[in-house]
Amino acid sequence: MDAFDRIVVRTPAQTRRSVSKMLDVADRIHDLLRQRGMSQKDLAVALHKSESEISKWLSGTHNLELKTIIRIEEALGEDILMVPAKTVSA
């Protein structure tokens, strides 16, 4: 077992899941930017943020707040996070 494998084994499952979700969110934002022909700089301008801050957000290791994700969704015109609709129990 190499050093990376030992780190992964010792990392709590919740932390691994958090990192995985953060990477998923960053990937979704990157995909939306590509679909719209936008750069990180374009997103920075739309959100009145610096390019370096957007770069940090999209590294996949930054824990974005929900309100920040909502602002990004508004700037891109599409949902990043999707919650299944509630079903009504009989």
PDB file of N, CA and C in Angstrom:
ATOM      1  N   MET A   1       0.853  -1.176   0.000  1.00  0.00           N
ATOM      2  CA  MET A   1       0.000   0.000   0.000  1.00  0.00           C
ATOM      3  C   MET A   1       0.898   1.238   0.000  1.00  0.00           C
ATOM      4  N   ASP A   2       0.671   2.139  -0.963  1.00  0.00           N
ATOM      5  CA  ASP A   2       1.500   3.337  -1.029  1.00  0.00           C
ATOM      6  C   ASP A   2       0.945   4.421  -0.092  1.00  0.00           C
ATOM      7  N   ALA A   3       1.650   5.542  -0.028  1.00  0.00           N
ATOM      8  CA  ALA A   3       1.291   6.616   0.908  1.00  0.00           C
ATOM      9  C   ALA A   3      -0.108   7.153   0.627  1.00  0.00           C
ATOM     10  N   PHE A   4      -0.460   7.314  -0.641  1.00  0.00           N
ATOM     11  CA  PHE A   4      -1.788   7.825  -0.985  1.00  0.00           C
ATOM     12  C   PHE A   4      -2.875   6.884  -0.469  1.00  0.00           C
ATOM     13  N   ASP A   5      -2.708   5.606  -0.691  1.00  0.00           N
ATOM     14  CA  ASP A   5      -3.692   4.621  -0.222  1.00  0.00           C
ATOM     15  C   ASP A   5      -3.837   4.659   1.293  1.00  0.00           C
ATOM     16  N   ARG A   6      -2.730   4.853   2.010  1.00  0.00           N
ATOM     17  CA  ARG A   6      -2.800   4.924   3.469  1.00  0.00           C
ATOM     18  C   ARG A   6      -3.569   6.160   3.924  1.00  0.00           C
ATOM     19  N   ILE A   7      -3.399   7.261   3.210  1.00  0.00           N
ATOM     20  CA  ILE A   7      -4.128   8.485   3.545  1.00  0.00           C
ATOM     21  C   ILE A   7      -5.617   8.272   3.309  1.00  0.00           C
ATOM     22  N   VAL A   8      -5.973   7.684   2.178  1.00  0.00           N
ATOM     23  CA  VAL A   8      -7.379   7.448   1.849  1.00  0.00           C
ATOM     24  C   VAL A   8      -8.028   6.548   2.894  1.00  0.00           C
ATOM     25  N   VAL A   9      -7.330   5.500   3.300  1.00  0.00           N
ATOM     26  CA  VAL A   9      -7.879   4.566   4.290  1.00  0.00           C
ATOM     27  C   VAL A   9      -8.114   5.269   5.616  1.00  0.00           C
ATOM     28  N   ARG A  10      -7.221   6.178   5.992  1.00  0.00           N
ATOM     29  CA  ARG A  10      -7.345   6.869   7.277  1.00  0.00           C
ATOM     30  C   ARG A  10      -8.319   8.041   7.235  1.00  0.00           C
ATOM     31  N   THR A  11      -8.733   8.468   6.046  1.00  0.00           N
ATOM     32  CA  THR A  11      -9.638   9.602   5.921  1.00  0.00           C
ATOM     33  C   THR A  11     -11.062   9.151   6.218  1.00  0.00           C
ATOM     34  N   PRO A  12     -11.732   9.840   7.133  1.00  0.00           N
ATOM     35  CA  PRO A  12     -13.104   9.455   7.471  1.00  0.00           C
ATOM     36  C   PRO A  12     -14.013   9.479   6.233  1.00  0.00           C
ATOM     37  N   ALA A  13     -14.991   8.580   6.206  1.00  0.00           N
ATOM     38  CA  ALA A  13     -15.906   8.465   5.072  1.00  0.00           C
ATOM     39  C   ALA A  13     -16.627   9.785   4.797  1.00  0.00           C
ATOM     40  N   GLN A  14     -17.001  10.504   5.849  1.00  0.00           N
ATOM     41  CA  GLN A  14     -17.707  11.772   5.659  1.00  0.00           C
ATOM     42  C   GLN A  14     -16.813  12.782   4.934  1.00  0.00           C
ATOM     43  N   THR A  15     -15.549  12.807   5.265  1.00  0.00           N
ATOM     44  CA  THR A  15     -14.613  13.723   4.610  1.00  0.00           C
ATOM     45  C   THR A  15     -14.448  13.333   3.149  1.00  0.00           C
ATOM     46  N   ARG A  16     -14.309  12.043   2.875  1.00  0.00           N
ATOM     47  CA  ARG A  16     -14.186  11.582   1.485  1.00  0.00           C
ATOM     48  C   ARG A  16     -15.433  11.963   0.691  1.00  0.00           C
ATOM     49  N   ARG A  17     -16.597  11.805   1.295  1.00  0.00           N
ATOM     50  CA  ARG A  17     -17.855  12.152   0.612  1.00  0.00           C
ATOM     51  C   ARG A  17     -17.935  13.656   0.377  1.00  0.00           C
ATOM     52  N   SER A  18     -17.529  14.454   1.354  1.00  0.00           N
ATOM     53  CA  SER A  18     -17.535  15.914   1.197  1.00  0.00           C
ATOM     54  C   SER A  18     -16.644  16.348   0.043  1.00  0.00           C
ATOM     55  N   VAL A  19     -15.446  15.805  -0.001  1.00  0.00           N
ATOM     56  CA  VAL A  19     -14.507  16.153  -1.073  1.00  0.00           C
ATOM     57  C   VAL A  19     -15.079  15.736  -2.426  1.00  0.00           C
ATOM     58  N   SER A  20     -15.674  14.556  -2.474  1.00  0.00           N
ATOM     59  CA  SER A  20     -16.272  14.075  -3.718  1.00  0.00           C
ATOM     60  C   SER A  20     -17.376  15.016  -4.197  1.00  0.00           C
ATOM     61  N   LYS A  21     -18.229  15.458  -3.277  1.00  0.00           N
ATOM     62  CA  LYS A  21     -19.319  16.376  -3.633  1.00  0.00           C
ATOM     63  C   LYS A  21     -18.775  17.735  -4.089  1.00  0.00           C
ATOM     64  N   MET A  22     -17.745  18.236  -3.404  1.00  0.00           N
ATOM     65  CA  MET A  22     -17.154  19.515  -3.792  1.00  0.00           C
ATOM     66  C   MET A  22     -16.573  19.429  -5.206  1.00  0.00           C
ATOM     67  N   LEU A  23     -15.934  18.301  -5.518  1.00  0.00           N
ATOM     68  CA  LEU A  23     -15.397  18.101  -6.866  1.00  0.00           C
ATOM     69  C   LEU A  23     -16.523  18.007  -7.887  1.00  0.00           C
ATOM     70  N   ASP A  24     -17.621  17.348  -7.525  1.00  0.00           N
ATOM     71  CA  ASP A  24     -18.781  17.250  -8.426  1.00  0.00           C
ATOM     72  C   ASP A  24     -19.345  18.635  -8.738  1.00  0.00           C
ATOM     73  N   VAL A  25     -19.464  19.483  -7.725  1.00  0.00           N
ATOM     74  CA  VAL A  25     -19.991  20.837  -7.920  1.00  0.00           C
ATOM     75  C   VAL A  25     -19.058  21.621  -8.841  1.00  0.00           C
ATOM     76  N   ALA A  26     -17.755  21.553  -8.588  1.00  0.00           N
ATOM     77  CA  ALA A  26     -16.782  22.258  -9.433  1.00  0.00           C
ATOM     78  C   ALA A  26     -16.858  21.750 -10.868  1.00  0.00           C
ATOM     79  N   ASP A  27     -16.971  20.434 -11.051  1.00  0.00           N
ATOM     80  CA  ASP A  27     -17.085  19.866 -12.402  1.00  0.00           C
ATOM     81  C   ASP A  27     -18.337  20.362 -13.102  1.00  0.00           C
ATOM     82  N   ARG A  28     -19.450  20.436 -12.377  1.00  0.00           N
ATOM     83  CA  ARG A  28     -20.713  20.914 -12.954  1.00  0.00           C
ATOM     84  C   ARG A  28     -20.574  22.363 -13.414  1.00  0.00           C
ATOM     85  N   ILE A  29     -19.932  23.186 -12.600  1.00  0.00           N
ATOM     86  CA  ILE A  29     -19.734  24.592 -12.971  1.00  0.00           C
ATOM     87  C   ILE A  29     -18.841  24.688 -14.204  1.00  0.00           C
ATOM     88  N   HIS A  30     -17.759  23.911 -14.232  1.00  0.00           N
ATOM     89  CA  HIS A  30     -16.872  23.902 -15.407  1.00  0.00           C
ATOM     90  C   HIS A  30     -17.654  23.493 -16.655  1.00  0.00           C
ATOM     91  N   ASP A  31     -18.506  22.471 -16.536  1.00  0.00           N
ATOM     92  CA  ASP A  31     -19.311  22.018 -17.679  1.00  0.00           C
ATOM     93  C   ASP A  31     -20.237  23.125 -18.171  1.00  0.00           C
ATOM     94  N   LEU A  32     -20.900  23.804 -17.232  1.00  0.00           N
ATOM     95  CA  LEU A  32     -21.808  24.887 -17.617  1.00  0.00           C
ATOM     96  C   LEU A  32     -21.057  26.037 -18.279  1.00  0.00           C
ATOM     97  N   LEU A  33     -19.890  26.352 -17.760  1.00  0.00           N
ATOM     98  CA  LEU A  33     -19.080  27.406 -18.379  1.00  0.00           C
ATOM     99  C   LEU A  33     -18.730  27.023 -19.818  1.00  0.00           C
ATOM    100  N   ARG A  34     -18.295  25.769 -20.022  1.00  0.00           N
ATOM    101  CA  ARG A  34     -17.946  25.303 -21.381  1.00  0.00           C
ATOM    102  C   ARG A  34     -19.168  25.367 -22.306  1.00  0.00           C
ATOM    103  N   GLN A  35     -20.318  24.906 -21.811  1.00  0.00           N
ATOM    104  CA  GLN A  35     -21.541  24.911 -22.624  1.00  0.00           C
ATOM    105  C   GLN A  35     -21.913  26.321 -23.076  1.00  0.00           C
ATOM    106  N   ARG A  36     -21.632  27.303 -22.238  1.00  0.00           N
ATOM    107  CA  ARG A  36     -22.001  28.680 -22.541  1.00  0.00           C
ATOM    108  C   ARG A  36     -20.875  29.465 -23.208  1.00  0.00           C
ATOM    109  N   GLY A  37     -19.736  28.814 -23.407  1.00  0.00           N
ATOM    110  CA  GLY A  37     -18.594  29.498 -24.010  1.00  0.00           C
ATOM    111  C   GLY A  37     -18.032  30.575 -23.108  1.00  0.00           C
ATOM    112  N   MET A  38     -18.165  30.371 -21.808  1.00  0.00           N
ATOM    113  CA  MET A  38     -17.697  31.354 -20.825  1.00  0.00           C
ATOM    114  C   MET A  38     -16.389  30.899 -20.196  1.00  0.00           C
ATOM    115  N   SER A  39     -15.621  31.856 -19.770  1.00  0.00           N
ATOM    116  CA  SER A  39     -14.385  31.581 -19.039  1.00  0.00           C
ATOM    117  C   SER A  39     -14.599  31.854 -17.549  1.00  0.00           C
ATOM    118  N   GLN A  40     -13.619  31.474 -16.754  1.00  0.00           N
ATOM    119  CA  GLN A  40     -13.672  31.804 -15.326  1.00  0.00           C
ATOM    120  C   GLN A  40     -13.678  33.324 -15.158  1.00  0.00           C
ATOM    121  N   LYS A  41     -12.981  34.016 -16.053  1.00  0.00           N
ATOM    122  CA  LYS A  41     -12.961  35.483 -15.990  1.00  0.00           C
ATOM    123  C   LYS A  41     -14.367  36.033 -16.215  1.00  0.00           C
ATOM    124  N   ASP A  42     -15.104  35.463 -17.176  1.00  0.00           N
ATOM    125  CA  ASP A  42     -16.480  35.908 -17.423  1.00  0.00           C
ATOM    126  C   ASP A  42     -17.345  35.717 -16.175  1.00  0.00           C
ATOM    127  N   LEU A  43     -17.177  34.574 -15.528  1.00  0.00           N
ATOM    128  CA  LEU A  43     -17.943  34.311 -14.306  1.00  0.00           C
ATOM    129  C   LEU A  43     -17.547  35.294 -13.212  1.00  0.00           C
ATOM    130  N   ALA A  44     -16.259  35.582 -13.107  1.00  0.00           N
ATOM    131  CA  ALA A  44     -15.782  36.543 -12.108  1.00  0.00           C
ATOM    132  C   ALA A  44     -16.421  37.914 -12.330  1.00  0.00           C
ATOM    133  N   VAL A  45     -16.476  38.341 -13.576  1.00  0.00           N
ATOM    134  CA  VAL A  45     -17.088  39.638 -13.893  1.00  0.00           C
ATOM    135  C   VAL A  45     -18.570  39.623 -13.523  1.00  0.00           C
ATOM    136  N   ALA A  46     -19.273  38.532 -13.880  1.00  0.00           N
ATOM    137  CA  ALA A  46     -20.706  38.430 -13.594  1.00  0.00           C
ATOM    138  C   ALA A  46     -21.001  38.460 -12.101  1.00  0.00           C
ATOM    139  N   LEU A  47     -20.075  37.932 -11.308  1.00  0.00           N
ATOM    140  CA  LEU A  47     -20.286  37.852  -9.855  1.00  0.00           C
ATOM    141  C   LEU A  47     -19.573  38.963  -9.079  1.00  0.00           C
ATOM    142  N   HIS A  48     -18.884  39.852  -9.805  1.00  0.00           N
ATOM    143  CA  HIS A  48     -18.119  40.933  -9.174  1.00  0.00           C
ATOM    144  C   HIS A  48     -17.080  40.369  -8.200  1.00  0.00           C
ATOM    145  N   LYS A  49     -16.368  39.347  -8.672  1.00  0.00           N
ATOM    146  CA  LYS A  49     -15.327  38.697  -7.878  1.00  0.00           C
ATOM    147  C   LYS A  49     -14.036  38.715  -8.671  1.00  0.00           C
ATOM    148  N   SER A  50     -12.933  38.442  -7.995  1.00  0.00           N
ATOM    149  CA  SER A  50     -11.652  38.365  -8.689  1.00  0.00           C
ATOM    150  C   SER A  50     -11.527  37.000  -9.376  1.00  0.00           C
ATOM    151  N   GLU A  51     -10.741  36.970 -10.440  1.00  0.00           N
ATOM    152  CA  GLU A  51     -10.490  35.704 -11.122  1.00  0.00           C
ATOM    153  C   GLU A  51      -9.851  34.685 -10.181  1.00  0.00           C
ATOM    154  N   SER A  52      -8.986  35.154  -9.296  1.00  0.00           N
ATOM    155  CA  SER A  52      -8.314  34.230  -8.379  1.00  0.00           C
ATOM    156  C   SER A  52      -9.301  33.592  -7.410  1.00  0.00           C
ATOM    157  N   GLU A  53     -10.320  34.352  -6.995  1.00  0.00           N
ATOM    158  CA  GLU A  53     -11.326  33.776  -6.100  1.00  0.00           C
ATOM    159  C   GLU A  53     -12.145  32.712  -6.832  1.00  0.00           C
ATOM    160  N   ILE A  54     -12.531  32.995  -8.066  1.00  0.00           N
ATOM    161  CA  ILE A  54     -13.277  32.012  -8.865  1.00  0.00           C
ATOM    162  C   ILE A  54     -12.427  30.768  -9.084  1.00  0.00           C
ATOM    163  N   SER A  55     -11.173  30.960  -9.356  1.00  0.00           N
ATOM    164  CA  SER A  55     -10.262  29.825  -9.549  1.00  0.00           C
ATOM    165  C   SER A  55     -10.205  28.962  -8.295  1.00  0.00           C
ATOM    166  N   LYS A  56     -10.148  29.608  -7.141  1.00  0.00           N
ATOM    167  CA  LYS A  56     -10.140  28.875  -5.865  1.00  0.00           C
ATOM    168  C   LYS A  56     -11.445  28.108  -5.698  1.00  0.00           C
ATOM    169  N   TRP A  57     -12.562  28.764  -6.000  1.00  0.00           N
ATOM    170  CA  TRP A  57     -13.858  28.105  -5.879  1.00  0.00           C
ATOM    171  C   TRP A  57     -13.943  26.871  -6.754  1.00  0.00           C
ATOM    172  N   LEU A  58     -13.386  26.979  -7.970  1.00  0.00           N
ATOM    173  CA  LEU A  58     -13.525  25.902  -8.947  1.00  0.00           C
ATOM    174  C   LEU A  58     -12.410  24.868  -8.867  1.00  0.00           C
ATOM    175  N   SER A  59     -11.565  24.983  -7.852  1.00  0.00           N
ATOM    176  CA  SER A  59     -10.500  23.989  -7.673  1.00  0.00           C
ATOM    177  C   SER A  59     -11.068  22.648  -7.205  1.00  0.00           C
ATOM    178  N   GLY A  60     -12.279  22.696  -6.652  1.00  0.00           N
ATOM    179  CA  GLY A  60     -12.898  21.480  -6.146  1.00  0.00           C
ATOM    180  C   GLY A  60     -12.563  21.194  -4.703  1.00  0.00           C
ATOM    181  N   THR A  61     -11.758  22.040  -4.103  1.00  0.00           N
ATOM    182  CA  THR A  61     -11.395  21.831  -2.699  1.00  0.00           C
ATOM    183  C   THR A  61     -11.971  22.922  -1.798  1.00  0.00           C
ATOM    184  N   HIS A  62     -12.680  23.862  -2.401  1.00  0.00           N
ATOM    185  CA  HIS A  62     -13.271  24.961  -1.633  1.00  0.00           C
ATOM    186  C   HIS A  62     -14.701  24.598  -1.271  1.00  0.00           C
ATOM    187  N   ASN A  63     -15.060  24.779  -0.019  1.00  0.00           N
ATOM    188  CA  ASN A  63     -16.402  24.461   0.457  1.00  0.00           C
ATOM    189  C   ASN A  63     -17.309  25.660   0.194  1.00  0.00           C
ATOM    190  N   LEU A  64     -17.998  25.639  -0.948  1.00  0.00           N
ATOM    191  CA  LEU A  64     -18.869  26.746  -1.317  1.00  0.00           C
ATOM    192  C   LEU A  64     -20.110  26.785  -0.435  1.00  0.00           C
ATOM    193  N   GLU A  65     -20.496  27.976  -0.032  1.00  0.00           N
ATOM    194  CA  GLU A  65     -21.742  28.139   0.710  1.00  0.00           C
ATOM    195  C   GLU A  65     -22.904  28.019  -0.263  1.00  0.00           C
ATOM    196  N   LEU A  66     -24.047  27.626   0.248  1.00  0.00           N
ATOM    197  CA  LEU A  66     -25.231  27.478  -0.591  1.00  0.00           C
ATOM    198  C   LEU A  66     -25.580  28.797  -1.278  1.00  0.00           C
ATOM    199  N   LYS A  67     -25.471  29.906  -0.558  1.00  0.00           N
ATOM    200  CA  LYS A  67     -25.809  31.194  -1.172  1.00  0.00           C
ATOM    201  C   LYS A  67     -24.864  31.529  -2.326  1.00  0.00           C
ATOM    202  N   THR A  68     -23.621  31.083  -2.253  1.00  0.00           N
ATOM    203  CA  THR A  68     -22.672  31.300  -3.345  1.00  0.00           C
ATOM    204  C   THR A  68     -23.051  30.432  -4.540  1.00  0.00           C
ATOM    205  N   ILE A  69     -23.430  29.201  -4.286  1.00  0.00           N
ATOM    206  CA  ILE A  69     -23.861  28.313  -5.368  1.00  0.00           C
ATOM    207  C   ILE A  69     -25.078  28.904  -6.065  1.00  0.00           C
ATOM    208  N   ILE A  70     -26.007  29.455  -5.300  1.00  0.00           N
ATOM    209  CA  ILE A  70     -27.200  30.072  -5.877  1.00  0.00           C
ATOM    210  C   ILE A  70     -26.824  31.264  -6.754  1.00  0.00           C
ATOM    211  N   ARG A  71     -25.876  32.065  -6.311  1.00  0.00           N
ATOM    212  CA  ARG A  71     -25.418  33.204  -7.122  1.00  0.00           C
ATOM    213  C   ARG A  71     -24.807  32.715  -8.433  1.00  0.00           C
ATOM    214  N   ILE A  72     -24.030  31.630  -8.360  1.00  0.00           N
ATOM    215  CA  ILE A  72     -23.419  31.071  -9.570  1.00  0.00           C
ATOM    216  C   ILE A  72     -24.515  30.529 -10.496  1.00  0.00           C
ATOM    217  N   GLU A  73     -25.511  29.839  -9.914  1.00  0.00           N
ATOM    218  CA  GLU A  73     -26.635  29.339 -10.713  1.00  0.00           C
ATOM    219  C   GLU A  73     -27.330  30.486 -11.442  1.00  0.00           C
ATOM    220  N   GLU A  74     -27.543  31.589 -10.752  1.00  0.00           N
ATOM    221  CA  GLU A  74     -28.199  32.742 -11.361  1.00  0.00           C
ATOM    222  C   GLU A  74     -27.354  33.320 -12.492  1.00  0.00           C
ATOM    223  N   ALA A  75     -26.047  33.378 -12.283  1.00  0.00           N
ATOM    224  CA  ALA A  75     -25.148  33.921 -13.309  1.00  0.00           C
ATOM    225  C   ALA A  75     -25.098  33.015 -14.540  1.00  0.00           C
ATOM    226  N   LEU A  76     -25.229  31.706 -14.331  1.00  0.00           N
ATOM    227  CA  LEU A  76     -25.141  30.756 -15.439  1.00  0.00           C
ATOM    228  C   LEU A  76     -26.503  30.382 -16.005  1.00  0.00           C
ATOM    229  N   GLY A  77     -27.567  30.750 -15.295  1.00  0.00           N
ATOM    230  CA  GLY A  77     -28.908  30.486 -15.779  1.00  0.00           C
ATOM    231  C   GLY A  77     -29.320  29.028 -15.740  1.00  0.00           C
ATOM    232  N   GLU A  78     -28.703  28.264 -14.863  1.00  0.00           N
ATOM    233  CA  GLU A  78     -29.045  26.844 -14.754  1.00  0.00           C
ATOM    234  C   GLU A  78     -28.675  26.325 -13.367  1.00  0.00           C
ATOM    235  N   ASP A  79     -29.422  25.316 -12.927  1.00  0.00           N
ATOM    236  CA  ASP A  79     -29.152  24.723 -11.619  1.00  0.00           C
ATOM    237  C   ASP A  79     -27.822  23.982 -11.606  1.00  0.00           C
ATOM    238  N   ILE A  80     -27.151  24.078 -10.488  1.00  0.00           N
ATOM    239  CA  ILE A  80     -25.945  23.294 -10.228  1.00  0.00           C
ATOM    240  C   ILE A  80     -26.332  22.132  -9.331  1.00  0.00           C
ATOM    241  N   LEU A  81     -27.062  22.457  -8.281  1.00  0.00           N
ATOM    242  CA  LEU A  81     -27.568  21.433  -7.367  1.00  0.00           C
ATOM    243  C   LEU A  81     -29.015  21.165  -7.681  1.00  0.00           C
ATOM    244  N   MET A  82     -29.383  19.904  -7.689  1.00  0.00           N
ATOM    245  CA  MET A  82     -30.769  19.541  -7.952  1.00  0.00           C
ATOM    246  C   MET A  82     -31.258  18.630  -6.821  1.00  0.00           C
ATOM    247  N   VAL A  83     -32.406  18.972  -6.295  1.00  0.00           N
ATOM    248  CA  VAL A  83     -33.008  18.198  -5.210  1.00  0.00           C
ATOM    249  C   VAL A  83     -34.249  17.517  -5.776  1.00  0.00           C
ATOM    250  N   PRO A  84     -34.361  16.210  -5.585  1.00  0.00           N
ATOM    251  CA  PRO A  84     -35.550  15.524  -6.112  1.00  0.00           C
ATOM    252  C   PRO A  84     -36.829  16.132  -5.530  1.00  0.00           C
ATOM    253  N   ALA A  85     -37.863  16.167  -6.355  1.00  0.00           N
ATOM    254  CA  ALA A  85     -39.142  16.681  -5.907  1.00  0.00           C
ATOM    255  C   ALA A  85     -39.710  15.745  -4.840  1.00  0.00           C
ATOM    256  N   LYS A  86     -40.385  16.350  -3.864  1.00  0.00           N
ATOM    257  CA  LYS A  86     -41.017  15.542  -2.810  1.00  0.00           C
ATOM    258  C   LYS A  86     -42.183  14.778  -3.391  1.00  0.00           C
ATOM    259  N   THR A  87     -42.343  13.579  -2.937  1.00  0.00           N
ATOM    260  CA  THR A  87     -43.520  12.814  -3.303  1.00  0.00           C
ATOM    261  C   THR A  87     -44.486  12.873  -2.141  1.00  0.00           C
ATOM    262  N   VAL A  88     -45.746  12.978  -2.453  1.00  0.00           N
ATOM    263  CA  VAL A  88     -46.771  13.063  -1.414  1.00  0.00           C
ATOM    264  C   VAL A  88     -47.167  11.648  -1.022  1.00  0.00           C
ATOM    265  N   SER A  89     -47.077  11.361   0.271  1.00  0.00           N
ATOM    266  CA  SER A  89     -47.473  10.041   0.775  1.00  0.00           C
ATOM    267  C   SER A  89     -48.986   9.974   0.908  1.00  0.00           C
ATOM    268  N   ALA A  90     -49.515   8.816   0.614  1.00  0.00           N
ATOM    269  CA  ALA A  90     -50.967   8.642   0.716  1.00  0.00           C
ATOM    270  C   ALA A  90     -51.382   8.298   2.116  1.00  0.00           C
TER     271      ALA A  90
END
